[in-house]
Protein backbone atom coordinates (compact mmCIF):
# COMPACT_ATOMS: atom_id res chain seq x y z
CA MET A 1 0.00 0.00 0.00
CA LEU A 2 1.24 3.51 -0.84
CA LEU A 3 2.09 5.76 2.10
CA LEU A 4 -0.12 8.78 2.64
CA PRO A 5 1.73 12.09 2.03
CA ILE A 6 2.44 13.90 5.30
CA LYS A 7 0.26 16.95 4.46
CA TYR A 8 -2.80 14.68 4.18
CA ALA A 9 -1.86 12.56 7.18
CA LEU A 10 -1.73 15.62 9.43
CA VAL A 11 -5.23 16.61 8.35
CA ILE A 12 -6.54 13.12 9.13
CA ILE A 13 -4.99 13.37 12.61
CA LYS A 14 -6.84 16.67 13.12
CA TYR A 15 -10.10 14.99 12.13
CA ALA A 16 -9.47 12.19 14.60
CA GLU A 17 -9.01 14.80 17.33
CA GLY A 18 -12.39 16.30 16.43
CA SER A 19 -11.05 19.71 15.42
CA ALA A 20 -12.30 19.65 11.83
CA VAL A 21 -15.02 18.19 9.64
CA PRO A 22 -13.94 15.29 7.38
CA LEU A 23 -13.68 16.33 3.75
CA LEU A 24 -15.41 13.22 2.40
CA GLN A 25 -18.87 13.08 3.92
CA PRO A 26 -22.53 12.51 3.06
CA LEU A 27 -24.27 15.39 1.31
CA LYS A 28 -27.95 16.25 1.69
CA ILE A 29 -29.55 18.25 -1.13
CA GLY A 30 -33.18 18.80 -0.27
CA ARG A 31 -34.68 15.38 0.35
CA LEU A 32 -31.84 13.61 -1.52
CA LEU A 33 -29.10 12.15 0.68
CA LEU A 34 -25.91 11.23 -1.17
CA PRO A 35 -23.41 8.79 0.36
CA HIS A 36 -20.59 11.25 -0.28
CA ASN A 37 -19.96 14.63 -1.86
CA ILE A 38 -18.14 13.93 -5.17
CA MET A 39 -20.30 14.21 -8.29
CA LEU A 40 -20.11 14.10 -12.08
CA ALA A 41 -21.07 17.40 -13.72
CA PRO A 42 -23.36 17.68 -16.74
CA LEU A 43 -21.31 17.95 -19.94
CA ALA A 44 -22.89 18.54 -23.34
CA GLY A 45 -22.06 15.76 -25.76
CA ILE A 46 -20.32 13.74 -23.03
CA THR A 47 -22.44 12.66 -20.06
CA ASN A 48 -24.69 10.17 -21.82
CA LEU A 49 -25.80 6.98 -20.11
CA PRO A 50 -22.67 4.89 -20.88
CA PHE A 51 -20.29 7.54 -19.55
CA ARG A 52 -22.41 8.12 -16.47
CA LEU A 53 -22.32 4.39 -15.70
CA VAL A 54 -18.54 4.30 -16.10
CA CYS A 55 -18.16 7.18 -13.65
CA ARG A 56 -20.67 5.71 -11.18
CA ARG A 57 -18.74 2.45 -11.14
CA GLN A 58 -15.66 4.48 -10.26
CA GLY A 59 -17.49 6.10 -7.36
CA ALA A 60 -19.42 9.20 -8.50
CA ALA A 61 -22.22 9.74 -5.94
CA LEU A 62 -24.46 11.63 -8.38
CA ALA A 63 -24.38 12.04 -12.15
CA PHE A 64 -26.17 14.43 -14.46
CA THR A 65 -27.59 14.16 -17.93
CA GLU A 66 -26.27 16.38 -20.65
CA MET A 67 -28.03 19.73 -20.46
CA VAL A 68 -31.53 19.47 -21.88
CA SER A 69 -33.09 22.28 -23.90
CA VAL A 70 -36.48 23.11 -22.46
CA ASN A 71 -37.61 24.39 -25.86
CA GLY A 72 -36.70 21.04 -27.39
CA MET A 73 -38.40 19.19 -24.55
CA VAL A 74 -41.65 21.12 -24.82
CA ARG A 75 -41.71 20.62 -28.59
CA GLU A 76 -41.31 16.87 -27.99
CA GLY A 77 -38.11 16.54 -29.98
CA GLU A 78 -37.02 12.90 -29.99
CA LYS A 79 -33.35 13.88 -29.90
CA THR A 80 -33.98 15.91 -26.77
CA LYS A 81 -35.87 13.06 -25.09
CA ALA A 82 -32.98 10.70 -25.90
CA LEU A 83 -30.78 12.73 -23.55
CA LEU A 84 -32.90 11.39 -20.67
CA ALA A 85 -32.19 7.71 -21.40
CA SER A 86 -31.35 6.00 -18.12
CA SER A 87 -31.32 2.66 -16.27
CA PRO A 88 -31.82 1.38 -12.71
CA GLU A 89 -28.05 1.52 -12.13
CA ASP A 90 -28.05 5.17 -13.19
CA ARG A 91 -29.39 6.53 -9.89
CA PRO A 92 -29.61 8.98 -8.35
CA LEU A 93 -29.92 11.01 -11.54
CA GLY A 94 -29.73 14.77 -11.93
CA VAL A 95 -31.42 16.32 -14.97
CA GLN A 96 -30.07 19.68 -16.05
CA LEU A 97 -32.38 22.02 -17.94
CA PHE A 98 -31.49 25.16 -19.87
CA GLY A 99 -33.62 27.96 -21.22
CA ASP A 100 -34.53 31.56 -20.49
CA ASP A 101 -38.32 31.55 -20.13
CA PRO A 102 -39.72 30.83 -16.65
CA ARG A 103 -42.97 29.26 -17.91
CA THR A 104 -41.21 26.97 -20.38
CA LEU A 105 -38.68 25.90 -17.76
CA ALA A 106 -41.51 25.12 -15.36
CA GLN A 107 -43.33 23.12 -18.03
CA ALA A 108 -40.19 21.12 -18.82
CA ALA A 109 -39.58 20.52 -15.11
CA ARG A 110 -43.01 18.92 -14.84
CA MET A 111 -42.31 16.77 -17.90
CA VAL A 112 -39.06 15.28 -16.56
CA ALA A 113 -40.10 14.97 -12.92
CA ASP A 114 -40.69 11.21 -13.11
CA GLN A 115 -37.24 10.61 -14.61
CA ALA A 116 -35.16 12.72 -12.23
CA ASP A 117 -34.04 12.55 -8.62
CA LEU A 118 -32.85 16.17 -8.77
CA LEU A 119 -33.38 19.09 -11.14
CA ASP A 120 -30.67 21.60 -12.01
CA ILE A 121 -31.05 24.81 -14.00
CA ASN A 122 -28.05 25.76 -16.11
CA MET A 123 -27.09 29.38 -15.57
CA GLY A 124 -23.41 28.98 -16.32
CA CYS A 125 -22.87 27.55 -19.81
CA PRO A 126 -20.64 30.05 -21.68
CA VAL A 127 -20.95 28.77 -25.27
CA ARG A 128 -22.25 31.24 -27.84
CA LYS A 129 -25.08 29.04 -29.10
CA VAL A 130 -26.59 28.93 -25.61
CA VAL A 131 -26.00 32.51 -24.45
CA SER A 132 -27.18 33.99 -27.77
CA GLY A 133 -30.64 32.67 -26.87
CA GLY A 134 -30.52 34.28 -23.44
CA ALA A 135 -29.86 31.04 -21.55
CA GLY A 136 -26.85 29.70 -19.66
CA SER A 137 -24.51 32.36 -18.31
CA ALA A 138 -26.43 35.08 -20.18
CA LEU A 139 -28.91 34.90 -17.29
CA LEU A 140 -26.21 36.33 -14.99
CA LYS A 141 -26.89 39.69 -16.64
CA ASP A 142 -30.51 39.63 -15.43
CA THR A 143 -30.82 38.61 -11.78
CA ALA A 144 -34.52 39.49 -11.75
CA ARG A 145 -35.06 36.89 -14.47
CA ILE A 146 -33.09 34.37 -12.41
CA ALA A 147 -35.49 34.91 -9.50
CA GLU A 148 -38.50 34.47 -11.78
CA ILE A 149 -37.11 31.24 -13.21
CA ILE A 150 -36.33 29.65 -9.86
CA ARG A 151 -39.70 30.71 -8.45
CA ALA A 152 -41.55 29.23 -11.45
CA VAL A 153 -39.72 25.90 -11.33
CA ARG A 154 -39.91 25.63 -7.56
CA GLY A 155 -43.64 26.14 -7.81
CA VAL A 156 -44.20 23.01 -9.89
CA THR A 157 -41.92 20.41 -8.28
CA GLN A 158 -40.91 19.07 -4.90
CA LEU A 159 -37.74 17.51 -6.31
CA PRO A 160 -34.43 18.82 -5.01
CA LEU A 161 -33.68 21.93 -7.06
CA THR A 162 -30.24 23.41 -7.75
CA ILE A 163 -28.65 25.93 -10.09
CA LYS A 164 -25.19 25.93 -11.66
CA ILE A 165 -23.61 29.33 -12.24
CA ARG A 166 -20.42 31.20 -13.02
CA SER A 167 -19.06 34.17 -11.08
CA GLY A 168 -20.49 36.72 -13.51
CA TRP A 169 -20.61 37.75 -17.13
CA GLN A 170 -17.14 39.27 -17.22
CA CYS A 171 -14.14 39.56 -14.90
CA GLY A 172 -14.89 41.85 -11.97
CA ASP A 173 -18.62 41.80 -12.71
CA TYR A 174 -19.32 39.44 -9.84
CA VAL A 175 -22.96 38.60 -9.21
CA TYR A 176 -22.52 35.10 -7.75
CA GLN A 177 -23.25 36.20 -4.17
CA GLU A 178 -26.39 38.07 -5.20
CA VAL A 179 -27.51 35.05 -7.24
CA GLY A 180 -26.74 32.78 -4.29
CA ARG A 181 -28.98 34.86 -2.01
CA ILE A 182 -31.74 34.84 -4.64
CA ALA A 183 -31.45 31.08 -5.10
CA GLU A 184 -31.74 30.45 -1.38
CA ALA A 185 -34.66 32.84 -0.96
CA GLU A 186 -36.58 31.30 -3.88
CA GLY A 187 -36.21 27.73 -2.63
CA CYS A 188 -33.10 26.22 -4.21
CA ASP A 189 -31.61 23.34 -2.23
CA ALA A 190 -27.99 23.88 -3.33
CA ILE A 191 -25.89 25.98 -5.69
CA THR A 192 -22.91 24.98 -7.83
CA LEU A 193 -20.33 27.63 -8.68
CA HIS A 194 -17.68 27.45 -11.38
CA PRO A 195 -15.63 30.47 -10.28
CA ARG A 196 -14.81 31.88 -13.70
CA SER A 197 -16.66 34.61 -15.58
CA ARG A 198 -18.43 33.83 -18.82
CA ASN A 199 -15.88 35.83 -20.79
CA GLN A 200 -13.05 33.71 -19.39
CA MET A 201 -14.62 30.60 -20.90
CA PHE A 202 -12.05 28.00 -19.71
CA SER A 203 -8.95 30.20 -19.83
CA GLY A 204 -6.79 31.15 -16.87
CA GLN A 205 -7.45 29.64 -13.46
CA ALA A 206 -10.70 29.27 -11.59
CA ASP A 207 -10.70 31.58 -8.54
CA TRP A 208 -11.53 29.12 -5.79
CA SER A 209 -11.59 31.90 -3.17
CA LEU A 210 -15.02 32.85 -4.56
CA LEU A 211 -16.33 29.49 -3.36
CA ALA A 212 -15.34 30.36 0.20
CA ARG A 213 -17.10 33.72 -0.11
CA LEU A 214 -20.26 32.12 -1.45
CA LYS A 215 -20.15 29.59 1.38
CA GLU A 216 -20.16 32.52 3.83
CA THR A 217 -23.11 34.09 1.99
CA VAL A 218 -25.65 31.27 1.94
CA ALA A 219 -26.77 28.47 4.25
CA ILE A 220 -27.66 25.99 1.48
CA PRO A 221 -24.90 23.63 0.29
CA VAL A 222 -22.28 25.14 -2.01
CA ILE A 223 -20.79 22.78 -4.59
CA GLY A 224 -17.49 23.67 -6.22
CA SER A 225 -16.49 23.12 -9.83
CA GLY A 226 -13.60 24.25 -12.02
CA ASP A 227 -10.03 22.97 -12.48
CA LEU A 228 -10.57 19.60 -10.79
CA PHE A 229 -8.21 17.36 -12.76
CA SER A 230 -6.78 15.10 -10.03
CA ALA A 231 -7.50 13.72 -6.59
CA ASP A 232 -5.11 16.31 -5.20
CA ASP A 233 -7.18 19.10 -6.79
CA CYS A 234 -10.30 17.66 -5.16
CA TYR A 235 -8.60 17.58 -1.78
CA ARG A 236 -7.36 21.16 -2.11
CA MET A 237 -10.70 22.61 -3.18
CA LEU A 238 -12.53 21.11 -0.22
CA ALA A 239 -9.77 21.99 2.25
CA GLU A 240 -9.19 25.54 1.01
CA THR A 241 -12.76 26.69 0.40
CA GLY A 242 -14.93 24.81 2.89
CA CYS A 243 -17.42 24.03 0.12
CA ASP A 244 -19.82 21.17 0.74
CA GLY A 245 -19.14 19.08 -2.34
CA LEU A 246 -17.39 18.82 -5.68
CA MET A 247 -18.67 18.55 -9.24
CA ILE A 248 -16.02 17.14 -11.57
CA ALA A 249 -16.37 18.03 -15.25
CA ARG A 250 -13.46 18.11 -17.73
CA GLY A 251 -11.27 16.32 -15.20
CA ALA A 252 -13.25 13.11 -15.77
CA LEU A 253 -12.57 12.99 -19.52
CA GLY A 254 -10.41 9.94 -20.14
CA ASN A 255 -9.95 9.88 -16.39
CA PRO A 256 -13.10 8.47 -14.72
CA TRP A 257 -10.97 6.89 -11.98
CA ILE A 258 -10.60 10.40 -10.56
CA PHE A 259 -13.72 9.60 -8.51
CA ARG A 260 -12.12 6.53 -6.94
CA GLN A 261 -8.81 8.27 -6.36
CA ALA A 262 -10.46 11.32 -4.80
CA ARG A 263 -12.46 9.13 -2.43
CA GLU A 264 -9.30 7.26 -1.46
CA LEU A 265 -7.38 10.45 -0.75
CA LEU A 266 -10.23 12.14 1.10
CA SER A 267 -10.72 8.99 3.20
CA GLY A 268 -7.14 9.12 4.45
CA LEU A 269 -5.69 6.63 2.00
CA ALA A 270 -3.19 7.17 -0.78
CA ALA A 271 -4.74 7.55 -4.22
CA GLN A 272 -3.78 4.40 -6.09
CA PRO A 273 -2.26 4.96 -9.54
CA VAL A 274 -3.98 3.50 -12.58
CA THR A 275 -2.07 0.74 -14.35
CA PRO A 276 -2.03 0.40 -18.15
CA ALA A 277 -4.12 -2.77 -17.83
CA GLU A 278 -6.74 -0.98 -15.71
CA ARG A 279 -6.85 1.93 -18.15
CA SER A 280 -7.41 -0.45 -21.07
CA GLU A 281 -10.02 -2.49 -19.19
CA LEU A 282 -12.03 0.58 -18.24
CA ALA A 283 -11.93 1.93 -21.80
CA GLU A 284 -13.13 -1.45 -23.08
CA GLN A 285 -15.96 -1.48 -20.53
CA HIS A 286 -16.93 1.97 -21.79
CA LEU A 287 -16.92 0.70 -25.38
CA GLN A 288 -19.06 -2.30 -24.45
CA LEU A 289 -21.60 -0.12 -22.66
CA GLN A 290 -21.82 2.11 -25.73
CA ILE A 291 -22.46 -0.95 -27.93
CA GLU A 292 -25.13 -2.38 -25.62
CA ILE A 293 -26.98 0.91 -25.41
CA MET A 294 -26.68 2.35 -28.92
CA GLY A 295 -25.48 -0.44 -31.22
CA GLU A 296 -22.02 -1.04 -32.65
CA ALA A 297 -22.00 1.39 -35.58
CA LEU A 298 -22.98 4.44 -33.51
CA ALA A 299 -20.93 3.26 -30.53
CA VAL A 300 -17.73 3.07 -32.59
CA ARG A 301 -18.25 6.64 -33.81
CA GLU A 302 -19.15 8.02 -30.38
CA ILE A 303 -16.39 6.29 -28.42
CA LYS A 304 -13.55 7.72 -30.53
CA LYS A 305 -13.40 11.05 -28.71
CA HIS A 306 -13.30 9.22 -25.38
CA LEU A 307 -10.51 6.90 -26.55
CA GLY A 308 -8.56 9.98 -27.58
CA TRP A 309 -8.74 11.11 -23.97
CA TYR A 310 -8.01 7.65 -22.55
CA ILE A 311 -4.74 7.42 -24.48
CA HIS A 312 -3.57 10.94 -23.62
CA GLY A 313 -0.04 10.73 -22.24
CA VAL A 314 0.52 7.16 -23.43
CA PRO A 315 3.76 6.54 -25.38
CA GLY A 316 2.96 6.78 -29.08
CA ALA A 317 -0.36 8.52 -28.40
CA ALA A 318 -0.36 10.39 -31.71
CA THR A 319 -0.07 7.15 -33.69
CA LEU A 320 -2.68 5.47 -31.51
CA ARG A 321 -5.04 8.38 -32.01
CA ARG A 322 -4.75 8.09 -35.80
CA THR A 323 -5.52 4.38 -35.49
CA VAL A 324 -8.58 5.18 -33.39
CA ASN A 325 -9.83 7.71 -35.93
CA THR A 326 -9.59 5.25 -38.83
CA ALA A 327 -11.12 2.26 -37.00
CA GLN A 328 -14.42 1.01 -38.42
CA THR A 329 -15.33 -1.82 -36.04
CA ALA A 330 -15.38 -2.57 -32.35
CA ASP A 331 -12.87 -5.39 -32.84
CA GLN A 332 -10.37 -2.93 -34.32
CA LEU A 333 -10.78 -0.73 -31.25
CA ARG A 334 -10.41 -3.70 -28.91
CA SER A 335 -7.14 -4.58 -30.62
CA LEU A 336 -5.90 -1.08 -29.97
CA LEU A 337 -6.93 -1.31 -26.33
CA SER A 338 -4.97 -4.53 -26.00
CA HIS A 339 -1.92 -2.58 -27.16
CA LEU A 340 -2.75 0.10 -24.62
CA ALA A 341 -2.80 -2.48 -21.82
CA GLN A 342 0.72 -3.54 -22.69
CA ASN A 343 2.26 -0.14 -23.41
CA GLY A 344 0.20 2.51 -21.57
CA ALA A 345 1.63 4.81 -18.95
CA ASP A 346 0.61 4.85 -15.30
CA GLN A 347 -1.50 7.74 -14.09
CA SER A 348 -1.47 8.82 -10.47
CA GLY A 349 -4.25 10.82 -8.86
CA ALA A 350 -2.18 12.63 -6.20
């Protein structure tokens, strides 16, 4: 067994003496009680059912659908409904909605209520296609509209309700504390903050100190997101900000074992590195889930971006990536994964 680094061991000793709250702990969001506080964030084009199952098997306590357009939902678009595909293993399930009209959001919330264990309203997506329609982080420019939206959705459902936001529209234009107070007053059960402005997109560093300030502002749980790429990052965010939980997004791409490693580290153990064989096995499980759920032809197309992430950092990754991109069958991909098992590089989470 790997030895625990001294900086973590000292914190565990403090917990044993009763002078601090353990970092890994159950999290209650409204009526939903999670076994621990590490979650998979909603990611457009990524967090479909197969990927959610992969992350759950690695220890994610809660997973979210891709963000669902309420306009598409209300118009009964089949593609939009497909985003809600789930299974008994895929619980508890968070459904994230996006839109800018309170009535339409409320209508969509009613429509998905039987399929969700928690509802989240996206108020943080920075991409142009979303904000040009007034949704996502564009809502941060209109806090009165935010209040109307939360009030409308809260009025039609008893499900746990959360919002996911950024710090503001542009650097220095911070509205996250005002939005936090609004969310709490209108009945939200938790708030997730990615502490970057919309204009930053994903550049620079997330300002985790804003999480600590939001935690001081509201009594509902504060969930942190942004720049969580390793178990060590997860440890530091919880320890430095006092936030109640973590929502891992880009850090899970090609790296779903981050959930297991974070739980190990936050439980007082050393985060175990991932062997090449484990990396290959997990990627093959992901491929098999894709095939079972969507059929081989579509699965082979959809898994390629994930395999590109799985092989990141592996010797000869550029050549492997070209092989992935030209593969036509699942057997060709399995052959590549066999090579990965023999030649892949270890990846540590700490």
